[in-house]
PDB file of N, CA and C in Angstrom:
ATOM      1  N   MET A   1       0.840  -1.177   0.000  1.00  0.00           N
ATOM      2  CA  MET A   1       0.000   0.000   0.000  1.00  0.00           C
ATOM      3  C   MET A   1       0.887   1.244   0.000  1.00  0.00           C
ATOM      4  N   LYS A   2       0.472   2.233  -0.730  1.00  0.00           N
ATOM      5  CA  LYS A   2       1.197   3.495  -0.785  1.00  0.00           C
ATOM      6  C   LYS A   2       0.493   4.544   0.076  1.00  0.00           C
ATOM      7  N   SER A   3       1.276   5.440   0.605  1.00  0.00           N
ATOM      8  CA  SER A   3       0.766   6.581   1.362  1.00  0.00           C
ATOM      9  C   SER A   3       1.392   7.840   0.785  1.00  0.00           C
ATOM     10  N   ILE A   4       0.703   8.955   0.947  1.00  0.00           N
ATOM     11  CA  ILE A   4       1.265  10.248   0.571  1.00  0.00           C
ATOM     12  C   ILE A   4       1.397  11.079   1.843  1.00  0.00           C
ATOM     13  N   VAL A   5       2.553  11.714   1.995  1.00  0.00           N
ATOM     14  CA  VAL A   5       2.772  12.655   3.091  1.00  0.00           C
ATOM     15  C   VAL A   5       2.863  14.029   2.449  1.00  0.00           C
ATOM     16  N   ILE A   6       1.957  14.901   2.855  1.00  0.00           N
ATOM     17  CA  ILE A   6       1.877  16.245   2.277  1.00  0.00           C
ATOM     18  C   ILE A   6       2.347  17.251   3.324  1.00  0.00           C
ATOM     19  N   HIS A   7       3.327  18.054   2.952  1.00  0.00           N
ATOM     20  CA  HIS A   7       3.843  19.134   3.807  1.00  0.00           C
ATOM     21  C   HIS A   7       3.342  20.446   3.206  1.00  0.00           C
ATOM     22  N   TYR A   8       2.588  21.193   4.003  1.00  0.00           N
ATOM     23  CA  TYR A   8       1.985  22.437   3.539  1.00  0.00           C
ATOM     24  C   TYR A   8       2.871  23.646   3.850  1.00  0.00           C
ATOM     25  N   LYS A   9       2.634  24.715   3.138  1.00  0.00           N
ATOM     26  CA  LYS A   9       3.392  25.949   3.323  1.00  0.00           C
ATOM     27  C   LYS A   9       3.175  26.560   4.702  1.00  0.00           C
ATOM     28  N   ASP A  10       2.067  26.228   5.370  1.00  0.00           N
ATOM     29  CA  ASP A  10       1.805  26.759   6.715  1.00  0.00           C
ATOM     30  C   ASP A  10       2.448  25.908   7.816  1.00  0.00           C
ATOM     31  N   GLN A  11       3.385  25.021   7.420  1.00  0.00           N
ATOM     32  CA  GLN A  11       4.166  24.179   8.335  1.00  0.00           C
ATOM     33  C   GLN A  11       3.392  22.994   8.913  1.00  0.00           C
ATOM     34  N   THR A  12       2.183  22.725   8.439  1.00  0.00           N
ATOM     35  CA  THR A  12       1.446  21.536   8.856  1.00  0.00           C
ATOM     36  C   THR A  12       1.715  20.421   7.854  1.00  0.00           C
ATOM     37  N   SER A  13       1.354  19.207   8.239  1.00  0.00           N
ATOM     38  CA  SER A  13       1.511  18.080   7.322  1.00  0.00           C
ATOM     39  C   SER A  13       0.440  17.048   7.620  1.00  0.00           C
ATOM     40  N   GLU A  14       0.223  16.168   6.663  1.00  0.00           N
ATOM     41  CA  GLU A  14      -0.724  15.080   6.853  1.00  0.00           C
ATOM     42  C   GLU A  14      -0.286  13.881   6.031  1.00  0.00           C
ATOM     43  N   GLN A  15      -0.718  12.705   6.478  1.00  0.00           N
ATOM     44  CA  GLN A  15      -0.458  11.470   5.739  1.00  0.00           C
ATOM     45  C   GLN A  15      -1.795  10.864   5.357  1.00  0.00           C
ATOM     46  N   VAL A  16      -1.910  10.459   4.099  1.00  0.00           N
ATOM     47  CA  VAL A  16      -3.116   9.813   3.589  1.00  0.00           C
ATOM     48  C   VAL A  16      -2.701   8.451   3.043  1.00  0.00           C
ATOM     49  N   ASP A  17      -3.397   7.405   3.483  1.00  0.00           N
ATOM     50  CA  ASP A  17      -3.078   6.045   3.055  1.00  0.00           C
ATOM     51  C   ASP A  17      -3.909   5.625   1.848  1.00  0.00           C
ATOM     52  N   ASN A  18      -3.492   4.537   1.231  1.00  0.00           N
ATOM     53  CA  ASN A  18      -4.185   3.923   0.096  1.00  0.00           C
ATOM     54  C   ASN A  18      -4.194   4.839  -1.134  1.00  0.00           C
ATOM     55  N   VAL A  19      -3.058   5.508  -1.369  1.00  0.00           N
ATOM     56  CA  VAL A  19      -2.912   6.432  -2.497  1.00  0.00           C
ATOM     57  C   VAL A  19      -2.379   5.671  -3.709  1.00  0.00           C
ATOM     58  N   HIS A  20      -2.963   5.938  -4.866  1.00  0.00           N
ATOM     59  CA  HIS A  20      -2.537   5.275  -6.095  1.00  0.00           C
ATOM     60  C   HIS A  20      -1.593   6.125  -6.923  1.00  0.00           C
ATOM     61  N   GLU A  21      -1.795   7.431  -6.934  1.00  0.00           N
ATOM     62  CA  GLU A  21      -1.010   8.318  -7.810  1.00  0.00           C
ATOM     63  C   GLU A  21      -1.177   9.746  -7.318  1.00  0.00           C
ATOM     64  N   ALA A  22      -0.200  10.585  -7.615  1.00  0.00           N
ATOM     65  CA  ALA A  22      -0.289  12.014  -7.305  1.00  0.00           C
ATOM     66  C   ALA A  22       0.210  12.795  -8.507  1.00  0.00           C
ATOM     67  N   ILE A  23      -0.404  13.946  -8.735  1.00  0.00           N
ATOM     68  CA  ILE A  23      -0.042  14.819  -9.849  1.00  0.00           C
ATOM     69  C   ILE A  23       0.283  16.196  -9.293  1.00  0.00           C
ATOM     70  N   ASP A  24       1.452  16.707  -9.638  1.00  0.00           N
ATOM     71  CA  ASP A  24       1.858  18.046  -9.214  1.00  0.00           C
ATOM     72  C   ASP A  24       1.442  19.033 -10.298  1.00  0.00           C
ATOM     73  N   HIS A  25       0.503  19.917  -9.974  1.00  0.00           N
ATOM     74  CA  HIS A  25       0.020  20.904 -10.936  1.00  0.00           C
ATOM     75  C   HIS A  25       0.852  22.185 -10.922  1.00  0.00           C
ATOM     76  N   GLY A  26       1.793  22.281  -9.975  1.00  0.00           N
ATOM     77  CA  GLY A  26       2.589  23.501  -9.842  1.00  0.00           C
ATOM     78  C   GLY A  26       1.881  24.516  -8.969  1.00  0.00           C
ATOM     79  N   ASP A  27       2.574  25.543  -8.583  1.00  0.00           N
ATOM     80  CA  ASP A  27       2.041  26.621  -7.741  1.00  0.00           C
ATOM     81  C   ASP A  27       1.390  26.112  -6.460  1.00  0.00           C
ATOM     82  N   GLY A  28       1.936  25.022  -5.878  1.00  0.00           N
ATOM     83  CA  GLY A  28       1.443  24.526  -4.600  1.00  0.00           C
ATOM     84  C   GLY A  28       0.159  23.731  -4.660  1.00  0.00           C
ATOM     85  N   GLU A  29      -0.226  23.252  -5.829  1.00  0.00           N
ATOM     86  CA  GLU A  29      -1.453  22.462  -5.972  1.00  0.00           C
ATOM     87  C   GLU A  29      -1.106  21.055  -6.457  1.00  0.00           C
ATOM     88  N   ILE A  30      -1.682  20.059  -5.776  1.00  0.00           N
ATOM     89  CA  ILE A  30      -1.539  18.673  -6.225  1.00  0.00           C
ATOM     90  C   ILE A  30      -2.908  18.007  -6.239  1.00  0.00           C
ATOM     91  N   SER A  31      -3.012  16.947  -7.011  1.00  0.00           N
ATOM     92  CA  SER A  31      -4.162  16.050  -6.995  1.00  0.00           C
ATOM     93  C   SER A  31      -3.629  14.673  -6.632  1.00  0.00           C
ATOM     94  N   TYR A  32      -4.427  13.911  -5.893  1.00  0.00           N
ATOM     95  CA  TYR A  32      -4.038  12.542  -5.605  1.00  0.00           C
ATOM     96  C   TYR A  32      -5.283  11.661  -5.609  1.00  0.00           C
ATOM     97  N   PHE A  33      -5.078  10.388  -5.886  1.00  0.00           N
ATOM     98  CA  PHE A  33      -6.171   9.440  -6.060  1.00  0.00           C
ATOM     99  C   PHE A  33      -6.077   8.372  -4.978  1.00  0.00           C
ATOM    100  N   ILE A  34      -7.198   8.139  -4.276  1.00  0.00           N
ATOM    101  CA  ILE A  34      -7.186   7.151  -3.204  1.00  0.00           C
ATOM    102  C   ILE A  34      -8.340   6.171  -3.351  1.00  0.00           C
ATOM    103  N   GLY A  35      -8.167   5.021  -2.716  1.00  0.00           N
ATOM    104  CA  GLY A  35      -9.224   4.027  -2.625  1.00  0.00           C
ATOM    105  C   GLY A  35      -9.436   3.221  -3.888  1.00  0.00           C
ATOM    106  N   SER A  36     -10.313   2.235  -3.758  1.00  0.00           N
ATOM    107  CA  SER A  36     -10.587   1.335  -4.880  1.00  0.00           C
ATOM    108  C   SER A  36     -11.305   2.042  -6.024  1.00  0.00           C
ATOM    109  N   GLY A  37     -11.972   3.152  -5.722  1.00  0.00           N
ATOM    110  CA  GLY A  37     -12.670   3.908  -6.756  1.00  0.00           C
ATOM    111  C   GLY A  37     -11.835   5.006  -7.365  1.00  0.00           C
ATOM    112  N   PHE A  38     -10.548   5.099  -6.969  1.00  0.00           N
ATOM    113  CA  PHE A  38      -9.644   6.136  -7.463  1.00  0.00           C
ATOM    114  C   PHE A  38     -10.263   7.531  -7.318  1.00  0.00           C
ATOM    115  N   THR A  39     -10.815   7.808  -6.141  1.00  0.00           N
ATOM    116  CA  THR A  39     -11.409   9.114  -5.874  1.00  0.00           C
ATOM    117  C   THR A  39     -10.322  10.180  -5.897  1.00  0.00           C
ATOM    118  N   ARG A  40     -10.576  11.268  -6.603  1.00  0.00           N
ATOM    119  CA  ARG A  40      -9.583  12.330  -6.776  1.00  0.00           C
ATOM    120  C   ARG A  40      -9.765  13.399  -5.699  1.00  0.00           C
ATOM    121  N   TYR A  41      -8.665  13.753  -5.060  1.00  0.00           N
ATOM    122  CA  TYR A  41      -8.645  14.810  -4.054  1.00  0.00           C
ATOM    123  C   TYR A  41      -7.632  15.860  -4.473  1.00  0.00           C
ATOM    124  N   HIS A  42      -7.830  17.079  -3.999  1.00  0.00           N
ATOM    125  CA  HIS A  42      -6.913  18.176  -4.283  1.00  0.00           C
ATOM    126  C   HIS A  42      -6.332  18.698  -2.977  1.00  0.00           C
ATOM    127  N   ALA A  43      -5.116  19.167  -3.038  1.00  0.00           N
ATOM    128  CA  ALA A  43      -4.494  19.851  -1.911  1.00  0.00           C
ATOM    129  C   ALA A  43      -3.884  21.136  -2.438  1.00  0.00           C
ATOM    130  N   LEU A  44      -4.110  22.229  -1.710  1.00  0.00           N
ATOM    131  CA  LEU A  44      -3.582  23.541  -2.081  1.00  0.00           C
ATOM    132  C   LEU A  44      -2.592  24.002  -1.017  1.00  0.00           C
ATOM    133  N   GLY A  45      -1.711  24.894  -1.361  1.00  0.00           N
ATOM    134  CA  GLY A  45      -0.732  25.409  -0.414  1.00  0.00           C
ATOM    135  C   GLY A  45       0.329  24.384  -0.048  1.00  0.00           C
ATOM    136  N   VAL A  46       0.640  23.492  -0.993  1.00  0.00           N
ATOM    137  CA  VAL A  46       1.587  22.409  -0.746  1.00  0.00           C
ATOM    138  C   VAL A  46       3.016  22.906  -0.975  1.00  0.00           C
ATOM    139  N   GLU A  47       3.876  22.651   0.005  1.00  0.00           N
ATOM    140  CA  GLU A  47       5.295  22.960  -0.133  1.00  0.00           C
ATOM    141  C   GLU A  47       6.018  21.803  -0.810  1.00  0.00           C
ATOM    142  N   ARG A  48       5.733  20.574  -0.331  1.00  0.00           N
ATOM    143  CA  ARG A  48       6.321  19.368  -0.926  1.00  0.00           C
ATOM    144  C   ARG A  48       5.489  18.175  -0.513  1.00  0.00           C
ATOM    145  N   PHE A  49       5.673  17.074  -1.232  1.00  0.00           N
ATOM    146  CA  PHE A  49       4.982  15.836  -0.886  1.00  0.00           C
ATOM    147  C   PHE A  49       5.854  14.659  -1.287  1.00  0.00           C
ATOM    148  N   VAL A  50       5.599  13.518  -0.649  1.00  0.00           N
ATOM    149  CA  VAL A  50       6.334  12.303  -0.961  1.00  0.00           C
ATOM    150  C   VAL A  50       5.357  11.133  -0.899  1.00  0.00           C
ATOM    151  N   ILE A  51       5.531  10.195  -1.836  1.00  0.00           N
ATOM    152  CA  ILE A  51       4.730   8.973  -1.816  1.00  0.00           C
ATOM    153  C   ILE A  51       5.615   7.858  -1.275  1.00  0.00           C
ATOM    154  N   ILE A  52       5.099   7.150  -0.282  1.00  0.00           N
ATOM    155  CA  ILE A  52       5.830   6.070   0.373  1.00  0.00           C
ATOM    156  C   ILE A  52       5.148   4.755   0.038  1.00  0.00           C
ATOM    157  N   ASP A  53       5.913   3.806  -0.480  1.00  0.00           N
ATOM    158  CA  ASP A  53       5.400   2.470  -0.786  1.00  0.00           C
ATOM    159  C   ASP A  53       5.798   1.558   0.373  1.00  0.00           C
ATOM    160  N   ALA A  54       4.826   1.108   1.164  1.00  0.00           N
ATOM    161  CA  ALA A  54       5.096   0.316   2.359  1.00  0.00           C
ATOM    162  C   ALA A  54       5.830  -0.985   2.022  1.00  0.00           C
ATOM    163  N   ALA A  55       5.517  -1.613   0.906  1.00  0.00           N
ATOM    164  CA  ALA A  55       6.176  -2.863   0.535  1.00  0.00           C
ATOM    165  C   ALA A  55       7.670  -2.644   0.270  1.00  0.00           C
ATOM    166  N   ILE A  56       8.002  -1.560  -0.410  1.00  0.00           N
ATOM    167  CA  ILE A  56       9.401  -1.257  -0.689  1.00  0.00           C
ATOM    168  C   ILE A  56      10.128  -0.888   0.601  1.00  0.00           C
ATOM    169  N   SER A  57       9.484  -0.067   1.446  1.00  0.00           N
ATOM    170  CA  SER A  57      10.098   0.318   2.715  1.00  0.00           C
ATOM    171  C   SER A  57      10.375  -0.892   3.590  1.00  0.00           C
ATOM    172  N   LYS A  58       9.438  -1.831   3.613  1.00  0.00           N
ATOM    173  CA  LYS A  58       9.618  -3.028   4.419  1.00  0.00           C
ATOM    174  C   LYS A  58      10.770  -3.882   3.855  1.00  0.00           C
ATOM    175  N   ALA A  59      10.841  -4.006   2.543  1.00  0.00           N
ATOM    176  CA  ALA A  59      11.904  -4.785   1.922  1.00  0.00           C
ATOM    177  C   ALA A  59      13.278  -4.179   2.190  1.00  0.00           C
ATOM    178  N   LEU A  60      13.326  -2.851   2.311  1.00  0.00           N
ATOM    179  CA  LEU A  60      14.585  -2.173   2.575  1.00  0.00           C
ATOM    180  C   LEU A  60      14.897  -2.059   4.069  1.00  0.00           C
ATOM    181  N   GLY A  61      13.975  -2.573   4.911  1.00  0.00           N
ATOM    182  CA  GLY A  61      14.171  -2.538   6.348  1.00  0.00           C
ATOM    183  C   GLY A  61      13.948  -1.174   6.967  1.00  0.00           C
ATOM    184  N   GLU A  62      13.143  -0.338   6.309  1.00  0.00           N
ATOM    185  CA  GLU A  62      12.882   1.022   6.802  1.00  0.00           C
ATOM    186  C   GLU A  62      11.704   1.088   7.741  1.00  0.00           C
ATOM    187  N   GLU A  63      10.989   0.003   7.935  1.00  0.00           N
ATOM    188  CA  GLU A  63       9.839   0.012   8.856  1.00  0.00           C
ATOM    189  C   GLU A  63      10.202  -0.598  10.178  1.00  0.00           C
TER     190      GLU A  63
END
């Protein structure tokens, strides 16, 4: 399962699980897709984001 960690320009952050893909639109806006229905969500005021693949992290011993 993949997760996205979003770091906002206001110094807050959040993690969302079950993410399939993320698109960087530029100017602090991203879209990401979650769940079996690939529901699209938007985030504004984004400073940076990272997608973490739990299977890869576990294989590398990062968990």
